[in-house]
PDBML (XML) file of the C-alpha atoms, coordinates in Angstrom:
<?xml version="1.0" encoding="UTF-8" ?>
<PDBx:datablock datablockName="MODEL"
   xmlns:PDBx="http://pdbml.pdb.org/schema/pdbx-v50.xsd"
   xmlns:xsi="http://www.w3.org/2001/XMLSchema-instance"
   xsi:schemaLocation="http://pdbml.pdb.org/schema/pdbx-v50.xsd pdbx-v50.xsd">
   <PDBx:atom_siteCategory>
      <PDBx:atom_site id="1">
         <PDBx:B_iso_or_equiv>0.00</PDBx:B_iso_or_equiv>
         <PDBx:Cartn_x>-10.927</PDBx:Cartn_x>
         <PDBx:Cartn_y>2.465</PDBx:Cartn_y>
         <PDBx:Cartn_z>4.957</PDBx:Cartn_z>
         <PDBx:auth_asym_id>A</PDBx:auth_asym_id>
         <PDBx:auth_atom_id>CA</PDBx:auth_atom_id>
         <PDBx:auth_comp_id>THR</PDBx:auth_comp_id>
         <PDBx:auth_seq_id>1</PDBx:auth_seq_id>
         <PDBx:group_PDB>ATOM</PDBx:group_PDB>
         <PDBx:label_alt_id xsi:nil="true" />
         <PDBx:label_asym_id>A</PDBx:label_asym_id>
         <PDBx:label_atom_id>CA</PDBx:label_atom_id>
         <PDBx:label_comp_id>THR</PDBx:label_comp_id>
         <PDBx:label_entity_id>1</PDBx:label_entity_id>
         <PDBx:label_seq_id>1</PDBx:label_seq_id>
         <PDBx:occupancy>1.00</PDBx:occupancy>
         <PDBx:pdbx_PDB_model_num>1</PDBx:pdbx_PDB_model_num>
         <PDBx:type_symbol>C</PDBx:type_symbol>
      </PDBx:atom_site>
      <PDBx:atom_site id="2">
         <PDBx:B_iso_or_equiv>0.00</PDBx:B_iso_or_equiv>
         <PDBx:Cartn_x>-8.155</PDBx:Cartn_x>
         <PDBx:Cartn_y>3.790</PDBx:Cartn_y>
         <PDBx:Cartn_z>2.511</PDBx:Cartn_z>
         <PDBx:auth_asym_id>A</PDBx:auth_asym_id>
         <PDBx:auth_atom_id>CA</PDBx:auth_atom_id>
         <PDBx:auth_comp_id>TYR</PDBx:auth_comp_id>
         <PDBx:auth_seq_id>2</PDBx:auth_seq_id>
         <PDBx:group_PDB>ATOM</PDBx:group_PDB>
         <PDBx:label_alt_id xsi:nil="true" />
         <PDBx:label_asym_id>A</PDBx:label_asym_id>
         <PDBx:label_atom_id>CA</PDBx:label_atom_id>
         <PDBx:label_comp_id>TYR</PDBx:label_comp_id>
         <PDBx:label_entity_id>1</PDBx:label_entity_id>
         <PDBx:label_seq_id>2</PDBx:label_seq_id>
         <PDBx:occupancy>1.00</PDBx:occupancy>
         <PDBx:pdbx_PDB_model_num>1</PDBx:pdbx_PDB_model_num>
         <PDBx:type_symbol>C</PDBx:type_symbol>
      </PDBx:atom_site>
      <PDBx:atom_site id="3">
         <PDBx:B_iso_or_equiv>0.00</PDBx:B_iso_or_equiv>
         <PDBx:Cartn_x>-5.663</PDBx:Cartn_x>
         <PDBx:Cartn_y>3.943</PDBx:Cartn_y>
         <PDBx:Cartn_z>5.300</PDBx:Cartn_z>
         <PDBx:auth_asym_id>A</PDBx:auth_asym_id>
         <PDBx:auth_atom_id>CA</PDBx:auth_atom_id>
         <PDBx:auth_comp_id>THR</PDBx:auth_comp_id>
         <PDBx:auth_seq_id>3</PDBx:auth_seq_id>
         <PDBx:group_PDB>ATOM</PDBx:group_PDB>
         <PDBx:label_alt_id xsi:nil="true" />
         <PDBx:label_asym_id>A</PDBx:label_asym_id>
         <PDBx:label_atom_id>CA</PDBx:label_atom_id>
         <PDBx:label_comp_id>THR</PDBx:label_comp_id>
         <PDBx:label_entity_id>1</PDBx:label_entity_id>
         <PDBx:label_seq_id>3</PDBx:label_seq_id>
         <PDBx:occupancy>1.00</PDBx:occupancy>
         <PDBx:pdbx_PDB_model_num>1</PDBx:pdbx_PDB_model_num>
         <PDBx:type_symbol>C</PDBx:type_symbol>
      </PDBx:atom_site>
      <PDBx:atom_site id="4">
         <PDBx:B_iso_or_equiv>0.00</PDBx:B_iso_or_equiv>
         <PDBx:Cartn_x>-6.160</PDBx:Cartn_x>
         <PDBx:Cartn_y>0.216</PDBx:Cartn_y>
         <PDBx:Cartn_z>6.128</PDBx:Cartn_z>
         <PDBx:auth_asym_id>A</PDBx:auth_asym_id>
         <PDBx:auth_atom_id>CA</PDBx:auth_atom_id>
         <PDBx:auth_comp_id>ARG</PDBx:auth_comp_id>
         <PDBx:auth_seq_id>4</PDBx:auth_seq_id>
         <PDBx:group_PDB>ATOM</PDBx:group_PDB>
         <PDBx:label_alt_id xsi:nil="true" />
         <PDBx:label_asym_id>A</PDBx:label_asym_id>
         <PDBx:label_atom_id>CA</PDBx:label_atom_id>
         <PDBx:label_comp_id>ARG</PDBx:label_comp_id>
         <PDBx:label_entity_id>1</PDBx:label_entity_id>
         <PDBx:label_seq_id>4</PDBx:label_seq_id>
         <PDBx:occupancy>1.00</PDBx:occupancy>
         <PDBx:pdbx_PDB_model_num>1</PDBx:pdbx_PDB_model_num>
         <PDBx:type_symbol>C</PDBx:type_symbol>
      </PDBx:atom_site>
      <PDBx:atom_site id="5">
         <PDBx:B_iso_or_equiv>0.00</PDBx:B_iso_or_equiv>
         <PDBx:Cartn_x>-6.029</PDBx:Cartn_x>
         <PDBx:Cartn_y>-0.465</PDBx:Cartn_y>
         <PDBx:Cartn_z>2.438</PDBx:Cartn_z>
         <PDBx:auth_asym_id>A</PDBx:auth_asym_id>
         <PDBx:auth_atom_id>CA</PDBx:auth_atom_id>
         <PDBx:auth_comp_id>PHE</PDBx:auth_comp_id>
         <PDBx:auth_seq_id>5</PDBx:auth_seq_id>
         <PDBx:group_PDB>ATOM</PDBx:group_PDB>
         <PDBx:label_alt_id xsi:nil="true" />
         <PDBx:label_asym_id>A</PDBx:label_asym_id>
         <PDBx:label_atom_id>CA</PDBx:label_atom_id>
         <PDBx:label_comp_id>PHE</PDBx:label_comp_id>
         <PDBx:label_entity_id>1</PDBx:label_entity_id>
         <PDBx:label_seq_id>5</PDBx:label_seq_id>
         <PDBx:occupancy>1.00</PDBx:occupancy>
         <PDBx:pdbx_PDB_model_num>1</PDBx:pdbx_PDB_model_num>
         <PDBx:type_symbol>C</PDBx:type_symbol>
      </PDBx:atom_site>
      <PDBx:atom_site id="6">
         <PDBx:B_iso_or_equiv>0.00</PDBx:B_iso_or_equiv>
         <PDBx:Cartn_x>-2.574</PDBx:Cartn_x>
         <PDBx:Cartn_y>0.948</PDBx:Cartn_y>
         <PDBx:Cartn_z>2.250</PDBx:Cartn_z>
         <PDBx:auth_asym_id>A</PDBx:auth_asym_id>
         <PDBx:auth_atom_id>CA</PDBx:auth_atom_id>
         <PDBx:auth_comp_id>ILE</PDBx:auth_comp_id>
         <PDBx:auth_seq_id>6</PDBx:auth_seq_id>
         <PDBx:group_PDB>ATOM</PDBx:group_PDB>
         <PDBx:label_alt_id xsi:nil="true" />
         <PDBx:label_asym_id>A</PDBx:label_asym_id>
         <PDBx:label_atom_id>CA</PDBx:label_atom_id>
         <PDBx:label_comp_id>ILE</PDBx:label_comp_id>
         <PDBx:label_entity_id>1</PDBx:label_entity_id>
         <PDBx:label_seq_id>6</PDBx:label_seq_id>
         <PDBx:occupancy>1.00</PDBx:occupancy>
         <PDBx:pdbx_PDB_model_num>1</PDBx:pdbx_PDB_model_num>
         <PDBx:type_symbol>C</PDBx:type_symbol>
      </PDBx:atom_site>
      <PDBx:atom_site id="7">
         <PDBx:B_iso_or_equiv>0.00</PDBx:B_iso_or_equiv>
         <PDBx:Cartn_x>-1.481</PDBx:Cartn_x>
         <PDBx:Cartn_y>-0.805</PDBx:Cartn_y>
         <PDBx:Cartn_z>5.233</PDBx:Cartn_z>
         <PDBx:auth_asym_id>A</PDBx:auth_asym_id>
         <PDBx:auth_atom_id>CA</PDBx:auth_atom_id>
         <PDBx:auth_comp_id>LYS</PDBx:auth_comp_id>
         <PDBx:auth_seq_id>7</PDBx:auth_seq_id>
         <PDBx:group_PDB>ATOM</PDBx:group_PDB>
         <PDBx:label_alt_id xsi:nil="true" />
         <PDBx:label_asym_id>A</PDBx:label_asym_id>
         <PDBx:label_atom_id>CA</PDBx:label_atom_id>
         <PDBx:label_comp_id>LYS</PDBx:label_comp_id>
         <PDBx:label_entity_id>1</PDBx:label_entity_id>
         <PDBx:label_seq_id>7</PDBx:label_seq_id>
         <PDBx:occupancy>1.00</PDBx:occupancy>
         <PDBx:pdbx_PDB_model_num>1</PDBx:pdbx_PDB_model_num>
         <PDBx:type_symbol>C</PDBx:type_symbol>
      </PDBx:atom_site>
      <PDBx:atom_site id="8">
         <PDBx:B_iso_or_equiv>0.00</PDBx:B_iso_or_equiv>
         <PDBx:Cartn_x>-3.021</PDBx:Cartn_x>
         <PDBx:Cartn_y>-3.944</PDBx:Cartn_y>
         <PDBx:Cartn_z>3.653</PDBx:Cartn_z>
         <PDBx:auth_asym_id>A</PDBx:auth_asym_id>
         <PDBx:auth_atom_id>CA</PDBx:auth_atom_id>
         <PDBx:auth_comp_id>PHE</PDBx:auth_comp_id>
         <PDBx:auth_seq_id>8</PDBx:auth_seq_id>
         <PDBx:group_PDB>ATOM</PDBx:group_PDB>
         <PDBx:label_alt_id xsi:nil="true" />
         <PDBx:label_asym_id>A</PDBx:label_asym_id>
         <PDBx:label_atom_id>CA</PDBx:label_atom_id>
         <PDBx:label_comp_id>PHE</PDBx:label_comp_id>
         <PDBx:label_entity_id>1</PDBx:label_entity_id>
         <PDBx:label_seq_id>8</PDBx:label_seq_id>
         <PDBx:occupancy>1.00</PDBx:occupancy>
         <PDBx:pdbx_PDB_model_num>1</PDBx:pdbx_PDB_model_num>
         <PDBx:type_symbol>C</PDBx:type_symbol>
      </PDBx:atom_site>
      <PDBx:atom_site id="9">
         <PDBx:B_iso_or_equiv>0.00</PDBx:B_iso_or_equiv>
         <PDBx:Cartn_x>-0.876</PDBx:Cartn_x>
         <PDBx:Cartn_y>-3.610</PDBx:Cartn_y>
         <PDBx:Cartn_z>0.546</PDBx:Cartn_z>
         <PDBx:auth_asym_id>A</PDBx:auth_asym_id>
         <PDBx:auth_atom_id>CA</PDBx:auth_atom_id>
         <PDBx:auth_comp_id>LEU</PDBx:auth_comp_id>
         <PDBx:auth_seq_id>9</PDBx:auth_seq_id>
         <PDBx:group_PDB>ATOM</PDBx:group_PDB>
         <PDBx:label_alt_id xsi:nil="true" />
         <PDBx:label_asym_id>A</PDBx:label_asym_id>
         <PDBx:label_atom_id>CA</PDBx:label_atom_id>
         <PDBx:label_comp_id>LEU</PDBx:label_comp_id>
         <PDBx:label_entity_id>1</PDBx:label_entity_id>
         <PDBx:label_seq_id>9</PDBx:label_seq_id>
         <PDBx:occupancy>1.00</PDBx:occupancy>
         <PDBx:pdbx_PDB_model_num>1</PDBx:pdbx_PDB_model_num>
         <PDBx:type_symbol>C</PDBx:type_symbol>
      </PDBx:atom_site>
      <PDBx:atom_site id="10">
         <PDBx:B_iso_or_equiv>0.00</PDBx:B_iso_or_equiv>
         <PDBx:Cartn_x>2.474</PDBx:Cartn_x>
         <PDBx:Cartn_y>-2.886</PDBx:Cartn_y>
         <PDBx:Cartn_z>2.286</PDBx:Cartn_z>
         <PDBx:auth_asym_id>A</PDBx:auth_asym_id>
         <PDBx:auth_atom_id>CA</PDBx:auth_atom_id>
         <PDBx:auth_comp_id>GLN</PDBx:auth_comp_id>
         <PDBx:auth_seq_id>10</PDBx:auth_seq_id>
         <PDBx:group_PDB>ATOM</PDBx:group_PDB>
         <PDBx:label_alt_id xsi:nil="true" />
         <PDBx:label_asym_id>A</PDBx:label_asym_id>
         <PDBx:label_atom_id>CA</PDBx:label_atom_id>
         <PDBx:label_comp_id>GLN</PDBx:label_comp_id>
         <PDBx:label_entity_id>1</PDBx:label_entity_id>
         <PDBx:label_seq_id>10</PDBx:label_seq_id>
         <PDBx:occupancy>1.00</PDBx:occupancy>
         <PDBx:pdbx_PDB_model_num>1</PDBx:pdbx_PDB_model_num>
         <PDBx:type_symbol>C</PDBx:type_symbol>
      </PDBx:atom_site>
      <PDBx:atom_site id="11">
         <PDBx:B_iso_or_equiv>0.00</PDBx:B_iso_or_equiv>
         <PDBx:Cartn_x>2.191</PDBx:Cartn_x>
         <PDBx:Cartn_y>-5.871</PDBx:Cartn_y>
         <PDBx:Cartn_z>4.831</PDBx:Cartn_z>
         <PDBx:auth_asym_id>A</PDBx:auth_asym_id>
         <PDBx:auth_atom_id>CA</PDBx:auth_atom_id>
         <PDBx:auth_comp_id>ASP</PDBx:auth_comp_id>
         <PDBx:auth_seq_id>11</PDBx:auth_seq_id>
         <PDBx:group_PDB>ATOM</PDBx:group_PDB>
         <PDBx:label_alt_id xsi:nil="true" />
         <PDBx:label_asym_id>A</PDBx:label_asym_id>
         <PDBx:label_atom_id>CA</PDBx:label_atom_id>
         <PDBx:label_comp_id>ASP</PDBx:label_comp_id>
         <PDBx:label_entity_id>1</PDBx:label_entity_id>
         <PDBx:label_seq_id>11</PDBx:label_seq_id>
         <PDBx:occupancy>1.00</PDBx:occupancy>
         <PDBx:pdbx_PDB_model_num>1</PDBx:pdbx_PDB_model_num>
         <PDBx:type_symbol>C</PDBx:type_symbol>
      </PDBx:atom_site>
      <PDBx:atom_site id="12">
         <PDBx:B_iso_or_equiv>0.00</PDBx:B_iso_or_equiv>
         <PDBx:Cartn_x>0.211</PDBx:Cartn_x>
         <PDBx:Cartn_y>-8.496</PDBx:Cartn_y>
         <PDBx:Cartn_z>3.011</PDBx:Cartn_z>
         <PDBx:auth_asym_id>A</PDBx:auth_asym_id>
         <PDBx:auth_atom_id>CA</PDBx:auth_atom_id>
         <PDBx:auth_comp_id>GLU</PDBx:auth_comp_id>
         <PDBx:auth_seq_id>12</PDBx:auth_seq_id>
         <PDBx:group_PDB>ATOM</PDBx:group_PDB>
         <PDBx:label_alt_id xsi:nil="true" />
         <PDBx:label_asym_id>A</PDBx:label_asym_id>
         <PDBx:label_atom_id>CA</PDBx:label_atom_id>
         <PDBx:label_comp_id>GLU</PDBx:label_comp_id>
         <PDBx:label_entity_id>1</PDBx:label_entity_id>
         <PDBx:label_seq_id>12</PDBx:label_seq_id>
         <PDBx:occupancy>1.00</PDBx:occupancy>
         <PDBx:pdbx_PDB_model_num>1</PDBx:pdbx_PDB_model_num>
         <PDBx:type_symbol>C</PDBx:type_symbol>
      </PDBx:atom_site>
      <PDBx:atom_site id="13">
         <PDBx:B_iso_or_equiv>0.00</PDBx:B_iso_or_equiv>
         <PDBx:Cartn_x>0.715</PDBx:Cartn_x>
         <PDBx:Cartn_y>-7.894</PDBx:Cartn_y>
         <PDBx:Cartn_z>-0.409</PDBx:Cartn_z>
         <PDBx:auth_asym_id>A</PDBx:auth_asym_id>
         <PDBx:auth_atom_id>CA</PDBx:auth_atom_id>
         <PDBx:auth_comp_id>ILE</PDBx:auth_comp_id>
         <PDBx:auth_seq_id>13</PDBx:auth_seq_id>
         <PDBx:group_PDB>ATOM</PDBx:group_PDB>
         <PDBx:label_alt_id xsi:nil="true" />
         <PDBx:label_asym_id>A</PDBx:label_asym_id>
         <PDBx:label_atom_id>CA</PDBx:label_atom_id>
         <PDBx:label_comp_id>ILE</PDBx:label_comp_id>
         <PDBx:label_entity_id>1</PDBx:label_entity_id>
         <PDBx:label_seq_id>13</PDBx:label_seq_id>
         <PDBx:occupancy>1.00</PDBx:occupancy>
         <PDBx:pdbx_PDB_model_num>1</PDBx:pdbx_PDB_model_num>
         <PDBx:type_symbol>C</PDBx:type_symbol>
      </PDBx:atom_site>
      <PDBx:atom_site id="14">
         <PDBx:B_iso_or_equiv>0.00</PDBx:B_iso_or_equiv>
         <PDBx:Cartn_x>4.437</PDBx:Cartn_x>
         <PDBx:Cartn_y>-6.675</PDBx:Cartn_y>
         <PDBx:Cartn_z>0.558</PDBx:Cartn_z>
         <PDBx:auth_asym_id>A</PDBx:auth_asym_id>
         <PDBx:auth_atom_id>CA</PDBx:auth_atom_id>
         <PDBx:auth_comp_id>ASN</PDBx:auth_comp_id>
         <PDBx:auth_seq_id>14</PDBx:auth_seq_id>
         <PDBx:group_PDB>ATOM</PDBx:group_PDB>
         <PDBx:label_alt_id xsi:nil="true" />
         <PDBx:label_asym_id>A</PDBx:label_asym_id>
         <PDBx:label_atom_id>CA</PDBx:label_atom_id>
         <PDBx:label_comp_id>ASN</PDBx:label_comp_id>
         <PDBx:label_entity_id>1</PDBx:label_entity_id>
         <PDBx:label_seq_id>14</PDBx:label_seq_id>
         <PDBx:occupancy>1.00</PDBx:occupancy>
         <PDBx:pdbx_PDB_model_num>1</PDBx:pdbx_PDB_model_num>
         <PDBx:type_symbol>C</PDBx:type_symbol>
      </PDBx:atom_site>
      <PDBx:atom_site id="15">
         <PDBx:B_iso_or_equiv>0.00</PDBx:B_iso_or_equiv>
         <PDBx:Cartn_x>4.233</PDBx:Cartn_x>
         <PDBx:Cartn_y>-3.344</PDBx:Cartn_y>
         <PDBx:Cartn_z>-2.111</PDBx:Cartn_z>
         <PDBx:auth_asym_id>A</PDBx:auth_asym_id>
         <PDBx:auth_atom_id>CA</PDBx:auth_atom_id>
         <PDBx:auth_comp_id>LEU</PDBx:auth_comp_id>
         <PDBx:auth_seq_id>15</PDBx:auth_seq_id>
         <PDBx:group_PDB>ATOM</PDBx:group_PDB>
         <PDBx:label_alt_id xsi:nil="true" />
         <PDBx:label_asym_id>A</PDBx:label_asym_id>
         <PDBx:label_atom_id>CA</PDBx:label_atom_id>
         <PDBx:label_comp_id>LEU</PDBx:label_comp_id>
         <PDBx:label_entity_id>1</PDBx:label_entity_id>
         <PDBx:label_seq_id>15</PDBx:label_seq_id>
         <PDBx:occupancy>1.00</PDBx:occupancy>
         <PDBx:pdbx_PDB_model_num>1</PDBx:pdbx_PDB_model_num>
         <PDBx:type_symbol>C</PDBx:type_symbol>
      </PDBx:atom_site>
      <PDBx:atom_site id="16">
         <PDBx:B_iso_or_equiv>0.00</PDBx:B_iso_or_equiv>
         <PDBx:Cartn_x>6.686</PDBx:Cartn_x>
         <PDBx:Cartn_y>-0.769</PDBx:Cartn_y>
         <PDBx:Cartn_z>-1.512</PDBx:Cartn_z>
         <PDBx:auth_asym_id>A</PDBx:auth_asym_id>
         <PDBx:auth_atom_id>CA</PDBx:auth_atom_id>
         <PDBx:auth_comp_id>SER</PDBx:auth_comp_id>
         <PDBx:auth_seq_id>16</PDBx:auth_seq_id>
         <PDBx:group_PDB>ATOM</PDBx:group_PDB>
         <PDBx:label_alt_id xsi:nil="true" />
         <PDBx:label_asym_id>A</PDBx:label_asym_id>
         <PDBx:label_atom_id>CA</PDBx:label_atom_id>
         <PDBx:label_comp_id>SER</PDBx:label_comp_id>
         <PDBx:label_entity_id>1</PDBx:label_entity_id>
         <PDBx:label_seq_id>16</PDBx:label_seq_id>
         <PDBx:occupancy>1.00</PDBx:occupancy>
         <PDBx:pdbx_PDB_model_num>1</PDBx:pdbx_PDB_model_num>
         <PDBx:type_symbol>C</PDBx:type_symbol>
      </PDBx:atom_site>
      <PDBx:atom_site id="17">
         <PDBx:B_iso_or_equiv>0.00</PDBx:B_iso_or_equiv>
         <PDBx:Cartn_x>5.916</PDBx:Cartn_x>
         <PDBx:Cartn_y>2.770</PDBx:Cartn_y>
         <PDBx:Cartn_z>-0.516</PDBx:Cartn_z>
         <PDBx:auth_asym_id>A</PDBx:auth_asym_id>
         <PDBx:auth_atom_id>CA</PDBx:auth_atom_id>
         <PDBx:auth_comp_id>GLN</PDBx:auth_comp_id>
         <PDBx:auth_seq_id>17</PDBx:auth_seq_id>
         <PDBx:group_PDB>ATOM</PDBx:group_PDB>
         <PDBx:label_alt_id xsi:nil="true" />
         <PDBx:label_asym_id>A</PDBx:label_asym_id>
         <PDBx:label_atom_id>CA</PDBx:label_atom_id>
         <PDBx:label_comp_id>GLN</PDBx:label_comp_id>
         <PDBx:label_entity_id>1</PDBx:label_entity_id>
         <PDBx:label_seq_id>17</PDBx:label_seq_id>
         <PDBx:occupancy>1.00</PDBx:occupancy>
         <PDBx:pdbx_PDB_model_num>1</PDBx:pdbx_PDB_model_num>
         <PDBx:type_symbol>C</PDBx:type_symbol>
      </PDBx:atom_site>
      <PDBx:atom_site id="18">
         <PDBx:B_iso_or_equiv>0.00</PDBx:B_iso_or_equiv>
         <PDBx:Cartn_x>7.292</PDBx:Cartn_x>
         <PDBx:Cartn_y>3.938</PDBx:Cartn_y>
         <PDBx:Cartn_z>-3.670</PDBx:Cartn_z>
         <PDBx:auth_asym_id>A</PDBx:auth_asym_id>
         <PDBx:auth_atom_id>CA</PDBx:auth_atom_id>
         <PDBx:auth_comp_id>ASP</PDBx:auth_comp_id>
         <PDBx:auth_seq_id>18</PDBx:auth_seq_id>
         <PDBx:group_PDB>ATOM</PDBx:group_PDB>
         <PDBx:label_alt_id xsi:nil="true" />
         <PDBx:label_asym_id>A</PDBx:label_asym_id>
         <PDBx:label_atom_id>CA</PDBx:label_atom_id>
         <PDBx:label_comp_id>ASP</PDBx:label_comp_id>
         <PDBx:label_entity_id>1</PDBx:label_entity_id>
         <PDBx:label_seq_id>18</PDBx:label_seq_id>
         <PDBx:occupancy>1.00</PDBx:occupancy>
         <PDBx:pdbx_PDB_model_num>1</PDBx:pdbx_PDB_model_num>
         <PDBx:type_symbol>C</PDBx:type_symbol>
      </PDBx:atom_site>
      <PDBx:atom_site id="19">
         <PDBx:B_iso_or_equiv>0.00</PDBx:B_iso_or_equiv>
         <PDBx:Cartn_x>4.848</PDBx:Cartn_x>
         <PDBx:Cartn_y>1.380</PDBx:Cartn_y>
         <PDBx:Cartn_z>-5.496</PDBx:Cartn_z>
         <PDBx:auth_asym_id>A</PDBx:auth_asym_id>
         <PDBx:auth_atom_id>CA</PDBx:auth_atom_id>
         <PDBx:auth_comp_id>SER</PDBx:auth_comp_id>
         <PDBx:auth_seq_id>19</PDBx:auth_seq_id>
         <PDBx:group_PDB>ATOM</PDBx:group_PDB>
         <PDBx:label_alt_id xsi:nil="true" />
         <PDBx:label_asym_id>A</PDBx:label_asym_id>
         <PDBx:label_atom_id>CA</PDBx:label_atom_id>
         <PDBx:label_comp_id>SER</PDBx:label_comp_id>
         <PDBx:label_entity_id>1</PDBx:label_entity_id>
         <PDBx:label_seq_id>19</PDBx:label_seq_id>
         <PDBx:occupancy>1.00</PDBx:occupancy>
         <PDBx:pdbx_PDB_model_num>1</PDBx:pdbx_PDB_model_num>
         <PDBx:type_symbol>C</PDBx:type_symbol>
      </PDBx:atom_site>
      <PDBx:atom_site id="20">
         <PDBx:B_iso_or_equiv>0.00</PDBx:B_iso_or_equiv>
         <PDBx:Cartn_x>2.204</PDBx:Cartn_x>
         <PDBx:Cartn_y>2.414</PDBx:Cartn_y>
         <PDBx:Cartn_z>-3.628</PDBx:Cartn_z>
         <PDBx:auth_asym_id>A</PDBx:auth_asym_id>
         <PDBx:auth_atom_id>CA</PDBx:auth_atom_id>
         <PDBx:auth_comp_id>ILE</PDBx:auth_comp_id>
         <PDBx:auth_seq_id>20</PDBx:auth_seq_id>
         <PDBx:group_PDB>ATOM</PDBx:group_PDB>
         <PDBx:label_alt_id xsi:nil="true" />
         <PDBx:label_asym_id>A</PDBx:label_asym_id>
         <PDBx:label_atom_id>CA</PDBx:label_atom_id>
         <PDBx:label_comp_id>ILE</PDBx:label_comp_id>
         <PDBx:label_entity_id>1</PDBx:label_entity_id>
         <PDBx:label_seq_id>20</PDBx:label_seq_id>
         <PDBx:occupancy>1.00</PDBx:occupancy>
         <PDBx:pdbx_PDB_model_num>1</PDBx:pdbx_PDB_model_num>
         <PDBx:type_symbol>C</PDBx:type_symbol>
      </PDBx:atom_site>
      <PDBx:atom_site id="21">
         <PDBx:B_iso_or_equiv>0.00</PDBx:B_iso_or_equiv>
         <PDBx:Cartn_x>3.031</PDBx:Cartn_x>
         <PDBx:Cartn_y>6.296</PDBx:Cartn_y>
         <PDBx:Cartn_z>-4.271</PDBx:Cartn_z>
         <PDBx:auth_asym_id>A</PDBx:auth_asym_id>
         <PDBx:auth_atom_id>CA</PDBx:auth_atom_id>
         <PDBx:auth_comp_id>ALA</PDBx:auth_comp_id>
         <PDBx:auth_seq_id>21</PDBx:auth_seq_id>
         <PDBx:group_PDB>ATOM</PDBx:group_PDB>
         <PDBx:label_alt_id xsi:nil="true" />
         <PDBx:label_asym_id>A</PDBx:label_asym_id>
         <PDBx:label_atom_id>CA</PDBx:label_atom_id>
         <PDBx:label_comp_id>ALA</PDBx:label_comp_id>
         <PDBx:label_entity_id>1</PDBx:label_entity_id>
         <PDBx:label_seq_id>21</PDBx:label_seq_id>
         <PDBx:occupancy>1.00</PDBx:occupancy>
         <PDBx:pdbx_PDB_model_num>1</PDBx:pdbx_PDB_model_num>
         <PDBx:type_symbol>C</PDBx:type_symbol>
      </PDBx:atom_site>
      <PDBx:atom_site id="22">
         <PDBx:B_iso_or_equiv>0.00</PDBx:B_iso_or_equiv>
         <PDBx:Cartn_x>3.126</PDBx:Cartn_x>
         <PDBx:Cartn_y>5.748</PDBx:Cartn_y>
         <PDBx:Cartn_z>-8.072</PDBx:Cartn_z>
         <PDBx:auth_asym_id>A</PDBx:auth_asym_id>
         <PDBx:auth_atom_id>CA</PDBx:auth_atom_id>
         <PDBx:auth_comp_id>MET</PDBx:auth_comp_id>
         <PDBx:auth_seq_id>22</PDBx:auth_seq_id>
         <PDBx:group_PDB>ATOM</PDBx:group_PDB>
         <PDBx:label_alt_id xsi:nil="true" />
         <PDBx:label_asym_id>A</PDBx:label_asym_id>
         <PDBx:label_atom_id>CA</PDBx:label_atom_id>
         <PDBx:label_comp_id>MET</PDBx:label_comp_id>
         <PDBx:label_entity_id>1</PDBx:label_entity_id>
         <PDBx:label_seq_id>22</PDBx:label_seq_id>
         <PDBx:occupancy>1.00</PDBx:occupancy>
         <PDBx:pdbx_PDB_model_num>1</PDBx:pdbx_PDB_model_num>
         <PDBx:type_symbol>C</PDBx:type_symbol>
      </PDBx:atom_site>
      <PDBx:atom_site id="23">
         <PDBx:B_iso_or_equiv>0.00</PDBx:B_iso_or_equiv>
         <PDBx:Cartn_x>-0.492</PDBx:Cartn_x>
         <PDBx:Cartn_y>3.960</PDBx:Cartn_y>
         <PDBx:Cartn_z>-8.243</PDBx:Cartn_z>
         <PDBx:auth_asym_id>A</PDBx:auth_asym_id>
         <PDBx:auth_atom_id>CA</PDBx:auth_atom_id>
         <PDBx:auth_comp_id>ALA</PDBx:auth_comp_id>
         <PDBx:auth_seq_id>23</PDBx:auth_seq_id>
         <PDBx:group_PDB>ATOM</PDBx:group_PDB>
         <PDBx:label_alt_id xsi:nil="true" />
         <PDBx:label_asym_id>A</PDBx:label_asym_id>
         <PDBx:label_atom_id>CA</PDBx:label_atom_id>
         <PDBx:label_comp_id>ALA</PDBx:label_comp_id>
         <PDBx:label_entity_id>1</PDBx:label_entity_id>
         <PDBx:label_seq_id>23</PDBx:label_seq_id>
         <PDBx:occupancy>1.00</PDBx:occupancy>
         <PDBx:pdbx_PDB_model_num>1</PDBx:pdbx_PDB_model_num>
         <PDBx:type_symbol>C</PDBx:type_symbol>
      </PDBx:atom_site>
      <PDBx:atom_site id="24">
         <PDBx:B_iso_or_equiv>0.00</PDBx:B_iso_or_equiv>
         <PDBx:Cartn_x>-1.985</PDBx:Cartn_x>
         <PDBx:Cartn_y>6.890</PDBx:Cartn_y>
         <PDBx:Cartn_z>-5.773</PDBx:Cartn_z>
         <PDBx:auth_asym_id>A</PDBx:auth_asym_id>
         <PDBx:auth_atom_id>CA</PDBx:auth_atom_id>
         <PDBx:auth_comp_id>GLN</PDBx:auth_comp_id>
         <PDBx:auth_seq_id>24</PDBx:auth_seq_id>
         <PDBx:group_PDB>ATOM</PDBx:group_PDB>
         <PDBx:label_alt_id xsi:nil="true" />
         <PDBx:label_asym_id>A</PDBx:label_asym_id>
         <PDBx:label_atom_id>CA</PDBx:label_atom_id>
         <PDBx:label_comp_id>GLN</PDBx:label_comp_id>
         <PDBx:label_entity_id>1</PDBx:label_entity_id>
         <PDBx:label_seq_id>24</PDBx:label_seq_id>
         <PDBx:occupancy>1.00</PDBx:occupancy>
         <PDBx:pdbx_PDB_model_num>1</PDBx:pdbx_PDB_model_num>
         <PDBx:type_symbol>C</PDBx:type_symbol>
      </PDBx:atom_site>
   </PDBx:atom_siteCategory>
</PDBx:datablock>
């Protein structure tokens, strides 16, 4: 579920990997 959530953030919300990493 977490992996799918990260993919959703990248694909549907268009967040960069850097933004996701900071939030993580």
